[in-house]
């Protein structure tokens, strides 16, 4: 069976004053709190979501 690659995403900026679309993307990634780290399967859809909000999130090792 093929190994599923994952990516760890951290919310590093506040959502206060951000457009609703950005808030929806952050929530879709499963992030709720500042400095929270979530692990997601590395798919083109997840990468696209990250690409929409690079100023709010960070990829951690």
PDB file of N, CA and C in Angstrom:
ATOM      1  N   UNK A   1       0.834  -1.189   0.000  1.00  0.00           N
ATOM      2  CA  UNK A   1       0.000   0.000   0.000  1.00  0.00           C
ATOM      3  C   UNK A   1       0.878   1.251   0.000  1.00  0.00           C
ATOM      4  N   UNK A   2       0.406   2.267  -0.693  1.00  0.00           N
ATOM      5  CA  UNK A   2       1.195   3.489  -0.833  1.00  0.00           C
ATOM      6  C   UNK A   2       1.127   4.337   0.443  1.00  0.00           C
ATOM      7  N   UNK A   3       2.275   4.879   0.814  1.00  0.00           N
ATOM      8  CA  UNK A   3       2.343   5.749   1.996  1.00  0.00           C
ATOM      9  C   UNK A   3       1.709   7.093   1.664  1.00  0.00           C
ATOM     10  N   UNK A   4       0.851   7.586   2.578  1.00  0.00           N
ATOM     11  CA  UNK A   4       0.196   8.874   2.366  1.00  0.00           C
ATOM     12  C   UNK A   4       1.050   9.968   2.988  1.00  0.00           C
ATOM     13  N   UNK A   5       1.489  10.895   2.154  1.00  0.00           N
ATOM     14  CA  UNK A   5       2.303  11.998   2.647  1.00  0.00           C
ATOM     15  C   UNK A   5       1.412  13.014   3.337  1.00  0.00           C
ATOM     16  N   UNK A   6       1.906  13.573   4.425  1.00  0.00           N
ATOM     17  CA  UNK A   6       1.141  14.568   5.162  1.00  0.00           C
ATOM     18  C   UNK A   6       1.904  15.877   5.224  1.00  0.00           C
ATOM     19  N   UNK A   7       1.173  16.917   5.548  1.00  0.00           N
ATOM     20  CA  UNK A   7       1.742  18.253   5.677  1.00  0.00           C
ATOM     21  C   UNK A   7       1.230  18.839   6.989  1.00  0.00           C
ATOM     22  N   UNK A   8       2.114  19.523   7.725  1.00  0.00           N
ATOM     23  CA  UNK A   8       1.718  20.141   8.998  1.00  0.00           C
ATOM     24  C   UNK A   8       1.566  21.644   8.763  1.00  0.00           C
ATOM     25  N   UNK A   9       0.400  22.176   9.154  1.00  0.00           N
ATOM     26  CA  UNK A   9       0.057  23.569   8.895  1.00  0.00           C
ATOM     27  C   UNK A   9      -0.186  24.273  10.228  1.00  0.00           C
ATOM     28  N   UNK A  10       0.365  25.480  10.376  1.00  0.00           N
ATOM     29  CA  UNK A  10       0.222  26.242  11.613  1.00  0.00           C
ATOM     30  C   UNK A  10      -0.400  27.602  11.304  1.00  0.00           C
ATOM     31  N   UNK A  11      -1.396  27.996  12.105  1.00  0.00           N
ATOM     32  CA  UNK A  11      -2.020  29.314  11.974  1.00  0.00           C
ATOM     33  C   UNK A  11      -1.157  30.317  12.728  1.00  0.00           C
ATOM     34  N   UNK A  12      -0.568  31.277  12.017  1.00  0.00           N
ATOM     35  CA  UNK A  12       0.383  32.194  12.647  1.00  0.00           C
ATOM     36  C   UNK A  12      -0.110  33.643  12.717  1.00  0.00           C
ATOM     37  N   UNK A  13      -1.210  33.961  12.043  1.00  0.00           N
ATOM     38  CA  UNK A  13      -1.759  35.318  12.088  1.00  0.00           C
ATOM     39  C   UNK A  13      -3.233  35.265  12.456  1.00  0.00           C
ATOM     40  N   UNK A  14      -3.709  36.300  13.118  1.00  0.00           N
ATOM     41  CA  UNK A  14      -5.098  36.379  13.565  1.00  0.00           C
ATOM     42  C   UNK A  14      -6.048  36.546  12.378  1.00  0.00           C
ATOM     43  N   UNK A  15      -7.277  36.100  12.573  1.00  0.00           N
ATOM     44  CA  UNK A  15      -8.308  36.238  11.549  1.00  0.00           C
ATOM     45  C   UNK A  15      -9.125  37.509  11.721  1.00  0.00           C
ATOM     46  N   UNK A  16      -8.829  38.284  12.750  1.00  0.00           N
ATOM     47  CA  UNK A  16      -9.563  39.521  12.992  1.00  0.00           C
ATOM     48  C   UNK A  16      -9.367  40.471  11.811  1.00  0.00           C
ATOM     49  N   UNK A  17     -10.464  40.937  11.252  1.00  0.00           N
ATOM     50  CA  UNK A  17     -10.416  41.879  10.135  1.00  0.00           C
ATOM     51  C   UNK A  17     -10.152  41.245   8.787  1.00  0.00           C
ATOM     52  N   UNK A  18     -10.117  39.930   8.723  1.00  0.00           N
ATOM     53  CA  UNK A  18      -9.864  39.241   7.454  1.00  0.00           C
ATOM     54  C   UNK A  18     -11.183  38.997   6.725  1.00  0.00           C
ATOM     55  N   UNK A  19     -11.135  38.887   5.408  1.00  0.00           N
ATOM     56  CA  UNK A  19     -12.367  38.609   4.649  1.00  0.00           C
ATOM     57  C   UNK A  19     -12.965  37.252   5.037  1.00  0.00           C
ATOM     58  N   UNK A  20     -14.268  37.138   4.890  1.00  0.00           N
ATOM     59  CA  UNK A  20     -14.978  35.905   5.240  1.00  0.00           C
ATOM     60  C   UNK A  20     -14.420  34.709   4.475  1.00  0.00           C
ATOM     61  N   UNK A  21     -14.025  34.910   3.243  1.00  0.00           N
ATOM     62  CA  UNK A  21     -13.474  33.810   2.431  1.00  0.00           C
ATOM     63  C   UNK A  21     -12.209  33.232   3.081  1.00  0.00           C
ATOM     64  N   UNK A  22     -11.355  34.093   3.610  1.00  0.00           N
ATOM     65  CA  UNK A  22     -10.135  33.637   4.278  1.00  0.00           C
ATOM     66  C   UNK A  22     -10.475  32.848   5.533  1.00  0.00           C
ATOM     67  N   UNK A  23     -11.477  33.326   6.285  1.00  0.00           N
ATOM     68  CA  UNK A  23     -11.911  32.625   7.489  1.00  0.00           C
ATOM     69  C   UNK A  23     -12.428  31.229   7.154  1.00  0.00           C
ATOM     70  N   UNK A  24     -13.174  31.116   6.063  1.00  0.00           N
ATOM     71  CA  UNK A  24     -13.707  29.824   5.645  1.00  0.00           C
ATOM     72  C   UNK A  24     -12.594  28.857   5.253  1.00  0.00           C
ATOM     73  N   UNK A  25     -11.582  29.363   4.589  1.00  0.00           N
ATOM     74  CA  UNK A  25     -10.456  28.518   4.189  1.00  0.00           C
ATOM     75  C   UNK A  25      -9.711  28.005   5.424  1.00  0.00           C
ATOM     76  N   UNK A  26      -9.464  28.902   6.384  1.00  0.00           N
ATOM     77  CA  UNK A  26      -8.768  28.500   7.611  1.00  0.00           C
ATOM     78  C   UNK A  26      -9.578  27.437   8.344  1.00  0.00           C
ATOM     79  N   UNK A  27     -10.883  27.638   8.467  1.00  0.00           N
ATOM     80  CA  UNK A  27     -11.742  26.667   9.138  1.00  0.00           C
ATOM     81  C   UNK A  27     -11.769  25.349   8.358  1.00  0.00           C
ATOM     82  N   UNK A  28     -11.747  25.436   7.037  1.00  0.00           N
ATOM     83  CA  UNK A  28     -11.728  24.234   6.200  1.00  0.00           C
ATOM     84  C   UNK A  28     -10.471  23.408   6.395  1.00  0.00           C
ATOM     85  N   UNK A  29      -9.386  24.070   6.740  1.00  0.00           N
ATOM     86  CA  UNK A  29      -8.140  23.363   7.034  1.00  0.00           C
ATOM     87  C   UNK A  29      -8.174  22.738   8.422  1.00  0.00           C
ATOM     88  N   UNK A  30      -9.168  23.123   9.222  1.00  0.00           N
ATOM     89  CA  UNK A  30      -9.297  22.565  10.570  1.00  0.00           C
ATOM     90  C   UNK A  30      -8.597  23.374  11.636  1.00  0.00           C
ATOM     91  N   UNK A  31      -8.232  24.600  11.306  1.00  0.00           N
ATOM     92  CA  UNK A  31      -7.547  25.461  12.267  1.00  0.00           C
ATOM     93  C   UNK A  31      -8.552  26.325  13.000  1.00  0.00           C
ATOM     94  N   UNK A  32      -8.409  26.404  14.329  1.00  0.00           N
ATOM     95  CA  UNK A  32      -9.331  27.189  15.142  1.00  0.00           C
ATOM     96  C   UNK A  32      -8.613  28.251  15.952  1.00  0.00           C
ATOM     97  N   UNK A  33      -7.450  27.932  16.494  1.00  0.00           N
ATOM     98  CA  UNK A  33      -6.734  28.829  17.398  1.00  0.00           C
ATOM     99  C   UNK A  33      -5.400  29.258  16.814  1.00  0.00           C
ATOM    100  N   UNK A  34      -4.931  30.402  17.249  1.00  0.00           N
ATOM    101  CA  UNK A  34      -3.621  30.895  16.861  1.00  0.00           C
ATOM    102  C   UNK A  34      -2.546  29.918  17.343  1.00  0.00           C
ATOM    103  N   UNK A  35      -1.555  29.675  16.539  1.00  0.00           N
ATOM    104  CA  UNK A  35      -0.434  28.767  16.808  1.00  0.00           C
ATOM    105  C   UNK A  35      -0.839  27.298  16.859  1.00  0.00           C
ATOM    106  N   UNK A  36      -2.062  26.982  16.479  1.00  0.00           N
ATOM    107  CA  UNK A  36      -2.487  25.588  16.418  1.00  0.00           C
ATOM    108  C   UNK A  36      -1.862  24.936  15.190  1.00  0.00           C
ATOM    109  N   UNK A  37      -1.438  23.693  15.336  1.00  0.00           N
ATOM    110  CA  UNK A  37      -0.849  22.939  14.230  1.00  0.00           C
ATOM    111  C   UNK A  37      -1.747  21.750  13.924  1.00  0.00           C
ATOM    112  N   UNK A  38      -2.076  21.575  12.633  1.00  0.00           N
ATOM    113  CA  UNK A  38      -2.861  20.421  12.199  1.00  0.00           C
ATOM    114  C   UNK A  38      -2.072  19.672  11.143  1.00  0.00           C
ATOM    115  N   UNK A  39      -2.336  18.395  11.039  1.00  0.00           N
ATOM    116  CA  UNK A  39      -1.667  17.555  10.042  1.00  0.00           C
ATOM    117  C   UNK A  39      -2.715  17.108   9.038  1.00  0.00           C
ATOM    118  N   UNK A  40      -2.477  17.375   7.772  1.00  0.00           N
ATOM    119  CA  UNK A  40      -3.408  17.032   6.705  1.00  0.00           C
ATOM    120  C   UNK A  40      -2.677  16.239   5.625  1.00  0.00           C
ATOM    121  N   UNK A  41      -3.432  15.429   4.903  1.00  0.00           N
ATOM    122  CA  UNK A  41      -2.869  14.698   3.769  1.00  0.00           C
ATOM    123  C   UNK A  41      -2.468  15.721   2.717  1.00  0.00           C
ATOM    124  N   UNK A  42      -1.279  15.557   2.151  1.00  0.00           N
ATOM    125  CA  UNK A  42      -0.736  16.516   1.185  1.00  0.00           C
ATOM    126  C   UNK A  42      -1.358  16.270  -0.188  1.00  0.00           C
ATOM    127  N   UNK A  43      -2.466  16.979  -0.459  1.00  0.00           N
ATOM    128  CA  UNK A  43      -3.162  16.852  -1.740  1.00  0.00           C
ATOM    129  C   UNK A  43      -3.137  18.198  -2.457  1.00  0.00           C
ATOM    130  N   UNK A  44      -3.406  18.208  -3.754  1.00  0.00           N
ATOM    131  CA  UNK A  44      -3.471  19.486  -4.468  1.00  0.00           C
ATOM    132  C   UNK A  44      -4.534  20.424  -3.897  1.00  0.00           C
ATOM    133  N   UNK A  45      -5.637  19.883  -3.380  1.00  0.00           N
ATOM    134  CA  UNK A  45      -6.692  20.719  -2.810  1.00  0.00           C
ATOM    135  C   UNK A  45      -6.189  21.444  -1.566  1.00  0.00           C
ATOM    136  N   UNK A  46      -5.492  20.729  -0.693  1.00  0.00           N
ATOM    137  CA  UNK A  46      -4.955  21.340   0.528  1.00  0.00           C
ATOM    138  C   UNK A  46      -3.886  22.366   0.164  1.00  0.00           C
ATOM    139  N   UNK A  47      -3.030  22.031  -0.792  1.00  0.00           N
ATOM    140  CA  UNK A  47      -1.997  22.981  -1.229  1.00  0.00           C
ATOM    141  C   UNK A  47      -2.622  24.251  -1.788  1.00  0.00           C
ATOM    142  N   UNK A  48      -3.731  24.099  -2.528  1.00  0.00           N
ATOM    143  CA  UNK A  48      -4.432  25.257  -3.080  1.00  0.00           C
ATOM    144  C   UNK A  48      -4.996  26.148  -1.987  1.00  0.00           C
ATOM    145  N   UNK A  49      -5.538  25.530  -0.935  1.00  0.00           N
ATOM    146  CA  UNK A  49      -6.074  26.304   0.183  1.00  0.00           C
ATOM    147  C   UNK A  49      -4.962  27.099   0.859  1.00  0.00           C
ATOM    148  N   UNK A  50      -3.816  26.467   1.038  1.00  0.00           N
ATOM    149  CA  UNK A  50      -2.674  27.139   1.658  1.00  0.00           C
ATOM    150  C   UNK A  50      -2.196  28.288   0.772  1.00  0.00           C
ATOM    151  N   UNK A  51      -2.217  28.075  -0.534  1.00  0.00           N
ATOM    152  CA  UNK A  51      -1.772  29.098  -1.477  1.00  0.00           C
ATOM    153  C   UNK A  51      -2.661  30.340  -1.447  1.00  0.00           C
ATOM    154  N   UNK A  52      -3.923  30.185  -1.037  1.00  0.00           N
ATOM    155  CA  UNK A  52      -4.841  31.324  -0.956  1.00  0.00           C
ATOM    156  C   UNK A  52      -4.577  32.195   0.269  1.00  0.00           C
ATOM    157  N   UNK A  53      -3.988  31.613   1.322  1.00  0.00           N
ATOM    158  CA  UNK A  53      -3.795  32.360   2.576  1.00  0.00           C
ATOM    159  C   UNK A  53      -2.365  32.224   3.112  1.00  0.00           C
ATOM    160  N   UNK A  54      -1.342  32.433   2.281  1.00  0.00           N
ATOM    161  CA  UNK A  54       0.033  32.241   2.765  1.00  0.00           C
ATOM    162  C   UNK A  54       0.428  33.246   3.846  1.00  0.00           C
ATOM    163  N   UNK A  55      -0.271  34.373   3.930  1.00  0.00           N
ATOM    164  CA  UNK A  55       0.028  35.396   4.934  1.00  0.00           C
ATOM    165  C   UNK A  55      -0.530  35.036   6.309  1.00  0.00           C
ATOM    166  N   UNK A  56      -1.355  33.983   6.389  1.00  0.00           N
ATOM    167  CA  UNK A  56      -1.970  33.602   7.659  1.00  0.00           C
ATOM    168  C   UNK A  56      -1.417  32.292   8.218  1.00  0.00           C
ATOM    169  N   UNK A  57      -0.894  31.430   7.354  1.00  0.00           N
ATOM    170  CA  UNK A  57      -0.448  30.119   7.785  1.00  0.00           C
ATOM    171  C   UNK A  57       1.021  29.900   7.459  1.00  0.00           C
ATOM    172  N   UNK A  58       1.564  28.847   8.067  1.00  0.00           N
ATOM    173  CA  UNK A  58       2.964  28.473   7.852  1.00  0.00           C
ATOM    174  C   UNK A  58       3.043  26.952   7.810  1.00  0.00           C
ATOM    175  N   UNK A  59       3.863  26.430   6.923  1.00  0.00           N
ATOM    176  CA  UNK A  59       4.096  24.992   6.873  1.00  0.00           C
ATOM    177  C   UNK A  59       5.246  24.685   7.813  1.00  0.00           C
ATOM    178  N   UNK A  60       5.018  23.775   8.768  1.00  0.00           N
ATOM    179  CA  UNK A  60       6.049  23.442   9.756  1.00  0.00           C
ATOM    180  C   UNK A  60       6.576  22.040   9.491  1.00  0.00           C
ATOM    181  N   UNK A  61       7.797  21.823   9.874  1.00  0.00           N
ATOM    182  CA  UNK A  61       8.440  20.524   9.678  1.00  0.00           C
ATOM    183  C   UNK A  61       8.156  19.595  10.834  1.00  0.00           C
TER     184      UNK A  61
END
